[in-house]
């Protein structure tokens, strides 16, 4: 009886630890594949000030009529630094406009970060309190949304955009949406 009293909690503990281990060790690419209830729905509307021009605003309606990317980023985000060269190259190629959603960040830190690493964005809107991020279902920065000409979210990429993800998923989708 004495042994059972200690073995049962130990067994439960080991099962829970095993569950967490299996859950946290997801295969590569699993995180990006998390579903979003916003796919094929209108992008949530917002009106935010622009990072570099605080007296001007940006709304998703401003980009209506073109296929575009909304990239959620922040100066404090380590993974954003990882994807930044990919976004810079995409911006230079001019294949699709990239708008930034600066997420839960300080305006000065964000502006300094872009000055240091380069600015791939047409503009960045400041979501200082993260409310717009909540509307978009942001898990954390970085995240990237492909939005079509009518303002419908067609794809959500969670985590840093890699060259592979860009070539295999994002750009083919952008090209397809450009045709419609």
N, C-alpha and C. Protein backbone atom coordinates (compact mmCIF):
# COMPACT_ATOMS: atom_id res chain seq x y z
N UNK A 1 0.83 -1.20 0.00
CA UNK A 1 0.00 0.00 0.00
C UNK A 1 0.87 1.25 0.00
N UNK A 2 1.93 1.22 0.80
CA UNK A 2 2.84 2.37 0.90
C UNK A 2 3.47 2.66 -0.46
N UNK A 3 3.92 1.59 -1.17
CA UNK A 3 4.52 1.75 -2.48
C UNK A 3 3.54 2.30 -3.50
N UNK A 4 2.35 1.80 -3.51
CA UNK A 4 1.33 2.24 -4.45
C UNK A 4 1.03 3.72 -4.29
N UNK A 5 1.06 4.18 -3.06
CA UNK A 5 0.79 5.59 -2.77
C UNK A 5 1.81 6.51 -3.45
N UNK A 6 3.04 6.04 -3.60
CA UNK A 6 4.08 6.84 -4.24
C UNK A 6 4.22 6.52 -5.73
N UNK A 7 3.96 5.29 -6.12
CA UNK A 7 4.11 4.90 -7.52
C UNK A 7 3.02 5.49 -8.41
N UNK A 8 1.81 5.60 -7.92
CA UNK A 8 0.71 6.15 -8.71
C UNK A 8 0.97 7.61 -9.10
N UNK A 9 1.31 8.50 -8.16
CA UNK A 9 1.62 9.89 -8.56
C UNK A 9 2.84 9.97 -9.47
N UNK A 10 3.83 9.11 -9.23
CA UNK A 10 5.01 9.10 -10.08
C UNK A 10 4.63 8.68 -11.50
N UNK A 11 3.79 7.69 -11.62
CA UNK A 11 3.33 7.23 -12.93
C UNK A 11 2.56 8.32 -13.66
N UNK A 12 1.67 9.00 -12.96
CA UNK A 12 0.90 10.10 -13.56
C UNK A 12 1.85 11.21 -14.00
N UNK A 13 2.81 11.53 -13.16
CA UNK A 13 3.79 12.57 -13.49
C UNK A 13 4.56 12.20 -14.76
N UNK A 14 5.01 10.96 -14.88
CA UNK A 14 5.77 10.53 -16.05
C UNK A 14 4.91 10.57 -17.32
N UNK A 15 3.66 10.22 -17.21
CA UNK A 15 2.76 10.30 -18.37
C UNK A 15 2.59 11.76 -18.81
N UNK A 16 2.41 12.67 -17.87
CA UNK A 16 2.26 14.09 -18.19
C UNK A 16 3.53 14.63 -18.82
N UNK A 17 4.70 14.28 -18.26
CA UNK A 17 5.98 14.73 -18.83
C UNK A 17 6.14 14.17 -20.24
N UNK A 18 5.79 12.93 -20.44
CA UNK A 18 5.85 12.33 -21.77
C UNK A 18 4.96 13.04 -22.76
N UNK A 19 3.76 13.40 -22.33
CA UNK A 19 2.82 14.14 -23.19
C UNK A 19 3.41 15.48 -23.60
N UNK A 20 3.97 16.21 -22.63
CA UNK A 20 4.56 17.51 -22.94
C UNK A 20 5.76 17.36 -23.87
N UNK A 21 6.58 16.33 -23.65
CA UNK A 21 7.74 16.11 -24.50
C UNK A 21 7.31 15.86 -25.94
N UNK A 22 6.33 15.01 -26.15
CA UNK A 22 5.84 14.71 -27.49
C UNK A 22 5.23 15.96 -28.12
N UNK A 23 4.47 16.71 -27.36
CA UNK A 23 3.82 17.92 -27.88
C UNK A 23 4.84 18.99 -28.26
N UNK A 24 5.84 19.20 -27.44
CA UNK A 24 6.83 20.24 -27.70
C UNK A 24 7.81 19.88 -28.79
N UNK A 25 7.99 18.63 -29.05
CA UNK A 25 8.92 18.20 -30.10
C UNK A 25 8.17 17.95 -31.40
N UNK A 26 7.44 18.96 -31.86
CA UNK A 26 6.70 18.84 -33.11
C UNK A 26 7.68 18.81 -34.27
N UNK A 27 7.36 18.06 -35.30
CA UNK A 27 8.23 18.02 -36.48
C UNK A 27 8.35 19.39 -37.13
N UNK A 28 9.43 19.60 -37.87
CA UNK A 28 9.67 20.85 -38.59
C UNK A 28 8.48 21.14 -39.50
N UNK A 29 8.01 22.37 -39.47
CA UNK A 29 6.90 22.79 -40.33
C UNK A 29 5.54 22.64 -39.70
N UNK A 30 5.42 21.95 -38.57
CA UNK A 30 4.12 21.75 -37.95
C UNK A 30 3.56 23.06 -37.43
N UNK A 31 4.40 23.89 -36.86
CA UNK A 31 3.94 25.15 -36.30
C UNK A 31 3.31 26.02 -37.38
N UNK A 32 3.94 26.05 -38.56
CA UNK A 32 3.43 26.86 -39.65
C UNK A 32 2.08 26.35 -40.15
N UNK A 33 1.77 25.09 -39.90
CA UNK A 33 0.57 24.49 -40.43
C UNK A 33 -0.64 24.64 -39.50
N UNK A 34 -0.48 25.34 -38.39
CA UNK A 34 -1.62 25.52 -37.50
C UNK A 34 -2.75 26.20 -38.25
N UNK A 35 -3.96 25.69 -38.12
CA UNK A 35 -5.07 26.27 -38.87
C UNK A 35 -5.48 27.65 -38.32
N UNK A 36 -6.07 28.44 -39.18
CA UNK A 36 -6.59 29.73 -38.77
C UNK A 36 -8.05 29.82 -39.19
N UNK A 37 -8.92 30.22 -38.27
CA UNK A 37 -10.33 30.37 -38.64
C UNK A 37 -10.55 31.55 -39.59
N UNK A 38 -9.52 32.37 -39.81
CA UNK A 38 -9.67 33.55 -40.67
C UNK A 38 -9.42 33.27 -42.15
N UNK A 39 -8.90 32.08 -42.46
CA UNK A 39 -8.62 31.77 -43.86
C UNK A 39 -9.94 31.81 -44.64
N UNK A 40 -9.91 32.50 -45.78
CA UNK A 40 -11.06 32.70 -46.67
C UNK A 40 -12.13 33.60 -46.06
N UNK A 41 -11.74 34.40 -45.09
CA UNK A 41 -12.63 35.41 -44.50
C UNK A 41 -11.99 36.78 -44.66
N UNK A 42 -12.81 37.80 -44.57
CA UNK A 42 -12.31 39.18 -44.71
C UNK A 42 -11.29 39.47 -43.62
N UNK A 43 -10.22 40.13 -44.02
CA UNK A 43 -9.21 40.55 -43.05
C UNK A 43 -9.85 41.52 -42.08
N UNK A 44 -9.64 41.32 -40.78
CA UNK A 44 -10.22 42.25 -39.80
C UNK A 44 -9.78 43.69 -40.09
N UNK A 45 -10.72 44.58 -39.96
CA UNK A 45 -10.45 45.99 -40.24
C UNK A 45 -9.76 46.62 -39.04
N UNK A 46 -8.93 47.60 -39.31
CA UNK A 46 -8.29 48.38 -38.26
C UNK A 46 -7.89 49.72 -38.84
N UNK A 47 -7.56 50.63 -37.96
CA UNK A 47 -7.04 51.95 -38.35
C UNK A 47 -5.93 52.28 -37.35
N UNK A 48 -4.68 52.16 -37.84
CA UNK A 48 -3.53 52.36 -36.97
C UNK A 48 -2.61 53.43 -37.55
N UNK A 49 -1.88 54.07 -36.67
CA UNK A 49 -0.90 55.06 -37.14
C UNK A 49 0.27 54.34 -37.78
N UNK A 50 0.91 55.04 -38.70
CA UNK A 50 2.08 54.50 -39.37
C UNK A 50 3.32 54.74 -38.51
N UNK A 51 4.26 53.81 -38.58
CA UNK A 51 5.47 53.90 -37.78
C UNK A 51 6.28 55.15 -38.09
N UNK A 52 6.55 55.39 -39.35
CA UNK A 52 7.41 56.50 -39.74
C UNK A 52 6.68 57.82 -39.92
N UNK A 53 5.35 57.75 -40.03
CA UNK A 53 4.55 58.96 -40.16
C UNK A 53 3.37 58.87 -39.19
N UNK A 54 3.61 59.19 -37.92
CA UNK A 54 2.60 59.00 -36.88
C UNK A 54 1.32 59.82 -37.07
N UNK A 55 1.36 60.80 -37.95
CA UNK A 55 0.16 61.59 -38.22
C UNK A 55 -0.70 60.99 -39.33
N UNK A 56 -0.20 59.91 -39.96
CA UNK A 56 -0.94 59.23 -41.02
C UNK A 56 -1.38 57.86 -40.53
N UNK A 57 -2.49 57.40 -41.09
CA UNK A 57 -3.06 56.13 -40.69
C UNK A 57 -2.99 55.12 -41.83
N UNK A 58 -3.13 53.85 -41.45
CA UNK A 58 -3.24 52.77 -42.44
C UNK A 58 -4.41 51.89 -42.05
N UNK A 59 -5.20 51.50 -43.05
CA UNK A 59 -6.26 50.52 -42.88
C UNK A 59 -6.10 49.48 -43.98
N UNK A 60 -6.59 48.26 -43.79
CA UNK A 60 -6.50 47.27 -44.86
C UNK A 60 -7.20 47.73 -46.14
N UNK A 61 -8.19 48.58 -46.04
CA UNK A 61 -8.88 49.09 -47.23
C UNK A 61 -7.91 49.87 -48.12
N UNK A 62 -6.85 50.44 -47.54
CA UNK A 62 -5.86 51.18 -48.32
C UNK A 62 -5.13 50.27 -49.32
N UNK A 63 -5.08 48.99 -49.05
CA UNK A 63 -4.38 48.04 -49.92
C UNK A 63 -5.36 47.27 -50.81
N UNK A 64 -6.64 47.55 -50.71
CA UNK A 64 -7.63 46.84 -51.51
C UNK A 64 -7.34 47.03 -52.99
N UNK A 65 -7.56 45.98 -53.76
CA UNK A 65 -7.31 46.03 -55.20
C UNK A 65 -5.98 45.41 -55.58
N UNK A 66 -5.19 45.02 -54.59
CA UNK A 66 -3.92 44.33 -54.89
C UNK A 66 -3.73 43.19 -53.90
N UNK A 67 -2.97 42.20 -54.32
CA UNK A 67 -2.57 41.11 -53.43
C UNK A 67 -1.40 41.64 -52.62
N UNK A 68 -1.43 41.39 -51.31
CA UNK A 68 -0.38 41.93 -50.45
C UNK A 68 -0.13 41.02 -49.27
N UNK A 69 1.02 41.24 -48.62
CA UNK A 69 1.38 40.50 -47.42
C UNK A 69 1.29 41.43 -46.22
N UNK A 70 0.77 40.91 -45.12
CA UNK A 70 0.81 41.60 -43.84
C UNK A 70 1.75 40.79 -42.96
N UNK A 71 2.87 41.41 -42.61
CA UNK A 71 3.88 40.73 -41.81
C UNK A 71 3.88 41.31 -40.40
N UNK A 72 3.60 40.47 -39.42
CA UNK A 72 3.60 40.87 -38.01
C UNK A 72 5.04 40.74 -37.51
N UNK A 73 5.58 41.84 -36.98
CA UNK A 73 6.99 41.85 -36.58
C UNK A 73 7.18 42.75 -35.37
N UNK A 74 8.35 42.65 -34.75
CA UNK A 74 8.70 43.51 -33.62
C UNK A 74 10.22 43.54 -33.47
N UNK A 75 10.72 44.63 -32.92
CA UNK A 75 12.17 44.75 -32.71
C UNK A 75 12.68 43.78 -31.65
N UNK A 76 11.83 43.37 -30.73
CA UNK A 76 12.21 42.44 -29.67
C UNK A 76 12.17 40.98 -30.12
N UNK A 77 11.69 40.74 -31.32
CA UNK A 77 11.45 39.38 -31.83
C UNK A 77 12.71 38.81 -32.48
N UNK A 78 13.26 37.78 -31.86
CA UNK A 78 14.48 37.14 -32.37
C UNK A 78 14.22 36.48 -33.72
N UNK A 79 13.09 35.81 -33.88
CA UNK A 79 12.77 35.13 -35.14
C UNK A 79 12.53 36.13 -36.27
N UNK A 80 12.11 37.34 -35.92
CA UNK A 80 11.93 38.37 -36.96
C UNK A 80 13.26 38.71 -37.60
N UNK A 81 14.31 38.70 -36.81
CA UNK A 81 15.65 38.97 -37.35
C UNK A 81 16.06 37.86 -38.31
N UNK A 82 15.64 36.63 -37.99
CA UNK A 82 15.95 35.48 -38.84
C UNK A 82 15.29 35.60 -40.21
N UNK A 83 14.03 36.05 -40.26
CA UNK A 83 13.31 36.13 -41.53
C UNK A 83 13.58 37.43 -42.28
N UNK A 84 14.15 38.41 -41.62
CA UNK A 84 14.30 39.74 -42.20
C UNK A 84 15.05 39.76 -43.54
N UNK A 85 16.18 39.04 -43.68
CA UNK A 85 16.86 39.04 -44.99
C UNK A 85 15.96 38.50 -46.12
N UNK A 86 15.11 37.54 -45.81
CA UNK A 86 14.19 36.99 -46.80
C UNK A 86 13.19 38.07 -47.22
N UNK A 87 12.67 38.80 -46.26
CA UNK A 87 11.72 39.88 -46.57
C UNK A 87 12.40 41.00 -47.35
N UNK A 88 13.64 41.30 -47.00
CA UNK A 88 14.38 42.34 -47.74
C UNK A 88 14.54 41.94 -49.20
N UNK A 89 14.91 40.69 -49.44
CA UNK A 89 15.08 40.21 -50.82
C UNK A 89 13.74 40.22 -51.56
N UNK A 90 12.69 39.80 -50.90
CA UNK A 90 11.36 39.81 -51.51
C UNK A 90 10.95 41.24 -51.87
N UNK A 91 11.22 42.16 -50.98
CA UNK A 91 10.91 43.57 -51.23
C UNK A 91 11.68 44.10 -52.44
N UNK A 92 12.97 43.77 -52.51
CA UNK A 92 13.80 44.21 -53.65
C UNK A 92 13.29 43.64 -54.96
N UNK A 93 12.78 42.40 -54.92
CA UNK A 93 12.28 41.75 -56.13
C UNK A 93 10.97 42.39 -56.60
N UNK A 94 10.24 43.03 -55.70
CA UNK A 94 9.01 43.73 -56.07
C UNK A 94 7.88 42.82 -56.51
N UNK A 95 7.88 41.58 -56.04
CA UNK A 95 6.86 40.62 -56.46
C UNK A 95 5.51 40.81 -55.77
N UNK A 96 5.54 41.34 -54.56
CA UNK A 96 4.31 41.57 -53.80
C UNK A 96 4.61 42.63 -52.74
N UNK A 97 3.69 43.57 -52.55
CA UNK A 97 3.92 44.57 -51.50
C UNK A 97 3.81 43.94 -50.11
N UNK A 98 4.72 44.35 -49.22
CA UNK A 98 4.73 43.85 -47.84
C UNK A 98 4.39 45.03 -46.92
N UNK A 99 3.35 44.87 -46.15
CA UNK A 99 2.98 45.86 -45.13
C UNK A 99 3.32 45.25 -43.79
N UNK A 100 3.87 46.05 -42.90
CA UNK A 100 4.23 45.57 -41.59
C UNK A 100 3.18 45.90 -40.55
N UNK A 101 3.00 45.00 -39.61
CA UNK A 101 2.18 45.25 -38.43
C UNK A 101 3.14 45.14 -37.25
N UNK A 102 3.60 46.30 -36.78
CA UNK A 102 4.57 46.34 -35.69
C UNK A 102 3.82 46.03 -34.39
N UNK A 103 4.13 44.89 -33.81
CA UNK A 103 3.33 44.25 -32.77
C UNK A 103 3.92 44.45 -31.37
N UNK A 104 3.16 45.10 -30.50
CA UNK A 104 3.52 45.26 -29.09
C UNK A 104 4.96 45.75 -28.93
N UNK A 105 5.28 46.81 -29.60
CA UNK A 105 6.64 47.30 -29.64
C UNK A 105 6.66 48.80 -29.36
N UNK A 106 7.81 49.31 -29.05
CA UNK A 106 7.98 50.75 -28.86
C UNK A 106 8.34 51.37 -30.20
N UNK A 107 7.70 52.48 -30.51
CA UNK A 107 7.90 53.13 -31.80
C UNK A 107 9.38 53.42 -32.08
N UNK A 108 10.08 53.96 -31.10
CA UNK A 108 11.49 54.31 -31.29
C UNK A 108 12.35 53.06 -31.53
N UNK A 109 12.10 52.00 -30.78
CA UNK A 109 12.86 50.76 -30.96
C UNK A 109 12.63 50.19 -32.37
N UNK A 110 11.38 50.25 -32.82
CA UNK A 110 11.03 49.72 -34.14
C UNK A 110 11.70 50.51 -35.25
N UNK A 111 11.64 51.82 -35.16
CA UNK A 111 12.26 52.67 -36.18
C UNK A 111 13.77 52.45 -36.21
N UNK A 112 14.39 52.33 -35.06
CA UNK A 112 15.84 52.08 -34.99
C UNK A 112 16.19 50.72 -35.59
N UNK A 113 15.36 49.72 -35.31
CA UNK A 113 15.59 48.37 -35.83
C UNK A 113 15.56 48.37 -37.35
N UNK A 114 14.56 49.03 -37.93
CA UNK A 114 14.47 49.10 -39.39
C UNK A 114 15.61 49.91 -39.98
N UNK A 115 16.03 50.96 -39.30
CA UNK A 115 17.17 51.75 -39.77
C UNK A 115 18.44 50.90 -39.78
N UNK A 116 18.57 50.02 -38.81
CA UNK A 116 19.76 49.17 -38.72
C UNK A 116 19.75 48.03 -39.72
N UNK A 117 18.61 47.35 -39.87
CA UNK A 117 18.55 46.13 -40.68
C UNK A 117 17.92 46.31 -42.06
N UNK A 118 17.34 47.46 -42.32
CA UNK A 118 16.68 47.71 -43.60
C UNK A 118 15.17 47.62 -43.45
N UNK A 119 14.47 48.28 -44.36
CA UNK A 119 13.02 48.35 -44.29
C UNK A 119 12.38 47.73 -45.53
N UNK A 120 11.84 46.51 -45.40
CA UNK A 120 11.22 45.86 -46.54
C UNK A 120 9.75 46.27 -46.76
N UNK A 121 9.23 47.10 -45.87
CA UNK A 121 7.79 47.37 -45.86
C UNK A 121 7.42 48.61 -46.67
N UNK A 122 6.26 48.53 -47.31
CA UNK A 122 5.67 49.72 -47.93
C UNK A 122 5.45 50.73 -46.81
N UNK A 123 4.94 50.22 -45.71
CA UNK A 123 4.79 50.98 -44.46
C UNK A 123 4.54 49.99 -43.35
N UNK A 124 4.74 50.44 -42.12
CA UNK A 124 4.41 49.62 -40.95
C UNK A 124 3.39 50.36 -40.11
N UNK A 125 2.34 49.65 -39.72
CA UNK A 125 1.34 50.19 -38.83
C UNK A 125 1.69 49.76 -37.41
N UNK A 126 1.47 50.62 -36.45
CA UNK A 126 1.87 50.36 -35.07
C UNK A 126 0.70 49.80 -34.26
N UNK A 127 0.83 48.55 -33.83
CA UNK A 127 -0.15 47.88 -32.98
C UNK A 127 0.47 47.75 -31.58
N UNK A 128 0.62 48.90 -30.93
CA UNK A 128 1.32 48.96 -29.65
C UNK A 128 0.72 48.13 -28.54
N UNK A 129 -0.60 48.03 -28.50
CA UNK A 129 -1.24 47.28 -27.42
C UNK A 129 -1.63 45.86 -27.84
N UNK A 130 -1.42 45.52 -29.10
CA UNK A 130 -1.68 44.17 -29.58
C UNK A 130 -3.13 43.85 -29.86
N UNK A 131 -4.01 44.84 -29.86
CA UNK A 131 -5.44 44.56 -30.10
C UNK A 131 -5.72 44.08 -31.52
N UNK A 132 -5.04 44.66 -32.49
CA UNK A 132 -5.22 44.21 -33.88
C UNK A 132 -4.68 42.78 -34.01
N UNK A 133 -3.55 42.52 -33.37
CA UNK A 133 -3.01 41.17 -33.37
C UNK A 133 -4.00 40.15 -32.84
N UNK A 134 -4.74 40.52 -31.82
CA UNK A 134 -5.77 39.63 -31.27
C UNK A 134 -6.83 39.35 -32.33
N UNK A 135 -7.26 40.41 -33.03
CA UNK A 135 -8.28 40.24 -34.08
C UNK A 135 -7.81 39.31 -35.19
N UNK A 136 -6.51 39.34 -35.46
CA UNK A 136 -5.94 38.49 -36.51
C UNK A 136 -5.55 37.10 -35.99
N UNK A 137 -5.69 36.87 -34.71
CA UNK A 137 -5.35 35.56 -34.15
C UNK A 137 -3.85 35.33 -34.09
N UNK A 138 -3.10 36.38 -33.84
CA UNK A 138 -1.65 36.28 -33.79
C UNK A 138 -1.23 35.46 -32.57
N UNK A 139 -0.42 34.43 -32.83
CA UNK A 139 0.16 33.63 -31.75
C UNK A 139 1.39 34.32 -31.19
N UNK A 140 2.10 35.01 -32.05
CA UNK A 140 3.33 35.71 -31.69
C UNK A 140 4.07 36.09 -32.96
N UNK A 141 4.95 37.03 -32.84
CA UNK A 141 5.70 37.46 -34.01
C UNK A 141 6.83 36.47 -34.28
N UNK A 142 7.18 36.26 -35.54
CA UNK A 142 6.55 36.79 -36.74
C UNK A 142 5.43 35.89 -37.26
N UNK A 143 4.51 36.52 -37.93
CA UNK A 143 3.46 35.83 -38.66
C UNK A 143 3.22 36.63 -39.93
N UNK A 144 2.84 35.94 -41.00
CA UNK A 144 2.63 36.60 -42.27
C UNK A 144 1.33 36.11 -42.89
N UNK A 145 0.54 37.06 -43.36
CA UNK A 145 -0.76 36.78 -43.98
C UNK A 145 -0.70 37.16 -45.45
N UNK A 146 -1.26 36.32 -46.31
CA UNK A 146 -1.45 36.66 -47.72
C UNK A 146 -2.90 37.11 -47.84
N UNK A 147 -3.08 38.34 -48.33
CA UNK A 147 -4.42 38.93 -48.44
C UNK A 147 -4.68 39.26 -49.90
N UNK A 148 -5.84 38.85 -50.40
CA UNK A 148 -6.12 39.02 -51.82
C UNK A 148 -6.67 40.41 -52.15
N UNK A 149 -6.99 40.63 -53.41
CA UNK A 149 -7.42 41.94 -53.90
C UNK A 149 -8.71 42.43 -53.25
N UNK A 150 -9.54 41.50 -52.79
CA UNK A 150 -10.81 41.86 -52.16
C UNK A 150 -10.70 42.00 -50.64
N UNK A 151 -9.50 41.80 -50.10
CA UNK A 151 -9.30 41.92 -48.66
C UNK A 151 -9.59 40.64 -47.90
N UNK A 152 -9.50 39.51 -48.58
CA UNK A 152 -9.75 38.20 -47.96
C UNK A 152 -8.41 37.55 -47.61
N UNK A 153 -8.30 37.04 -46.39
CA UNK A 153 -7.08 36.33 -45.98
C UNK A 153 -7.09 34.96 -46.65
N UNK A 154 -6.04 34.68 -47.40
CA UNK A 154 -5.94 33.41 -48.12
C UNK A 154 -4.93 32.44 -47.53
N UNK A 155 -4.02 32.97 -46.71
CA UNK A 155 -3.00 32.10 -46.12
C UNK A 155 -2.39 32.78 -44.91
N UNK A 156 -2.03 31.98 -43.92
CA UNK A 156 -1.35 32.47 -42.73
C UNK A 156 -0.11 31.61 -42.49
N UNK A 157 1.03 32.27 -42.42
CA UNK A 157 2.29 31.58 -42.13
C UNK A 157 2.73 31.98 -40.73
N UNK A 158 2.88 31.01 -39.88
CA UNK A 158 3.31 31.26 -38.50
C UNK A 158 4.80 30.98 -38.39
N UNK A 159 5.52 31.92 -37.82
CA UNK A 159 6.96 31.77 -37.68
C UNK A 159 7.68 32.51 -38.79
N UNK A 160 9.01 32.42 -38.78
CA UNK A 160 9.78 33.14 -39.79
C UNK A 160 9.52 32.60 -41.20
N UNK A 161 9.37 33.51 -42.13
CA UNK A 161 9.24 33.11 -43.54
C UNK A 161 10.63 32.70 -44.02
N UNK A 162 10.70 31.49 -44.54
CA UNK A 162 11.96 30.99 -45.09
C UNK A 162 11.91 31.10 -46.61
N UNK A 163 13.05 30.95 -47.25
CA UNK A 163 13.10 30.95 -48.71
C UNK A 163 12.23 29.81 -49.23
N UNK A 164 12.31 28.66 -48.57
CA UNK A 164 11.53 27.49 -48.97
C UNK A 164 10.02 27.78 -48.91
N UNK A 165 9.55 28.34 -47.79
CA UNK A 165 8.13 28.66 -47.65
C UNK A 165 7.70 29.70 -48.68
N UNK A 166 8.57 30.64 -48.95
CA UNK A 166 8.28 31.68 -49.92
C UNK A 166 8.13 31.07 -51.31
N UNK A 167 9.07 30.22 -51.70
CA UNK A 167 9.06 29.65 -53.04
C UNK A 167 7.98 28.59 -53.24
N UNK A 168 7.72 27.80 -52.21
CA UNK A 168 6.79 26.68 -52.37
C UNK A 168 5.34 27.02 -52.06
N UNK A 169 5.10 27.98 -51.20
CA UNK A 169 3.74 28.25 -50.77
C UNK A 169 3.29 29.69 -51.05
N UNK A 170 4.04 30.65 -50.56
CA UNK A 170 3.56 32.04 -50.58
C UNK A 170 3.55 32.62 -51.98
N UNK A 171 4.67 32.58 -52.69
CA UNK A 171 4.72 33.19 -54.02
C UNK A 171 3.82 32.50 -55.05
N UNK A 172 3.74 31.16 -55.06
CA UNK A 172 2.77 30.55 -55.98
C UNK A 172 1.33 30.99 -55.69
N UNK A 173 0.99 31.13 -54.41
CA UNK A 173 -0.35 31.60 -54.06
C UNK A 173 -0.55 33.03 -54.51
N UNK A 174 0.45 33.89 -54.29
CA UNK A 174 0.37 35.29 -54.73
C UNK A 174 0.16 35.34 -56.24
N UNK A 175 0.92 34.55 -56.99
CA UNK A 175 0.79 34.54 -58.46
C UNK A 175 -0.61 34.09 -58.87
N UNK A 176 -1.12 33.07 -58.21
CA UNK A 176 -2.47 32.58 -58.51
C UNK A 176 -3.53 33.66 -58.22
N UNK A 177 -3.37 34.33 -57.11
CA UNK A 177 -4.34 35.36 -56.72
C UNK A 177 -4.25 36.58 -57.64
N UNK A 178 -3.07 36.87 -58.15
CA UNK A 178 -2.90 38.00 -59.07
C UNK A 178 -3.73 37.80 -60.34
N UNK A 179 -3.89 36.54 -60.75
CA UNK A 179 -4.64 36.23 -61.97
C UNK A 179 -6.14 36.45 -61.82
N UNK A 180 -6.64 36.34 -60.61
CA UNK A 180 -8.10 36.46 -60.41
C UNK A 180 -8.54 37.87 -60.15
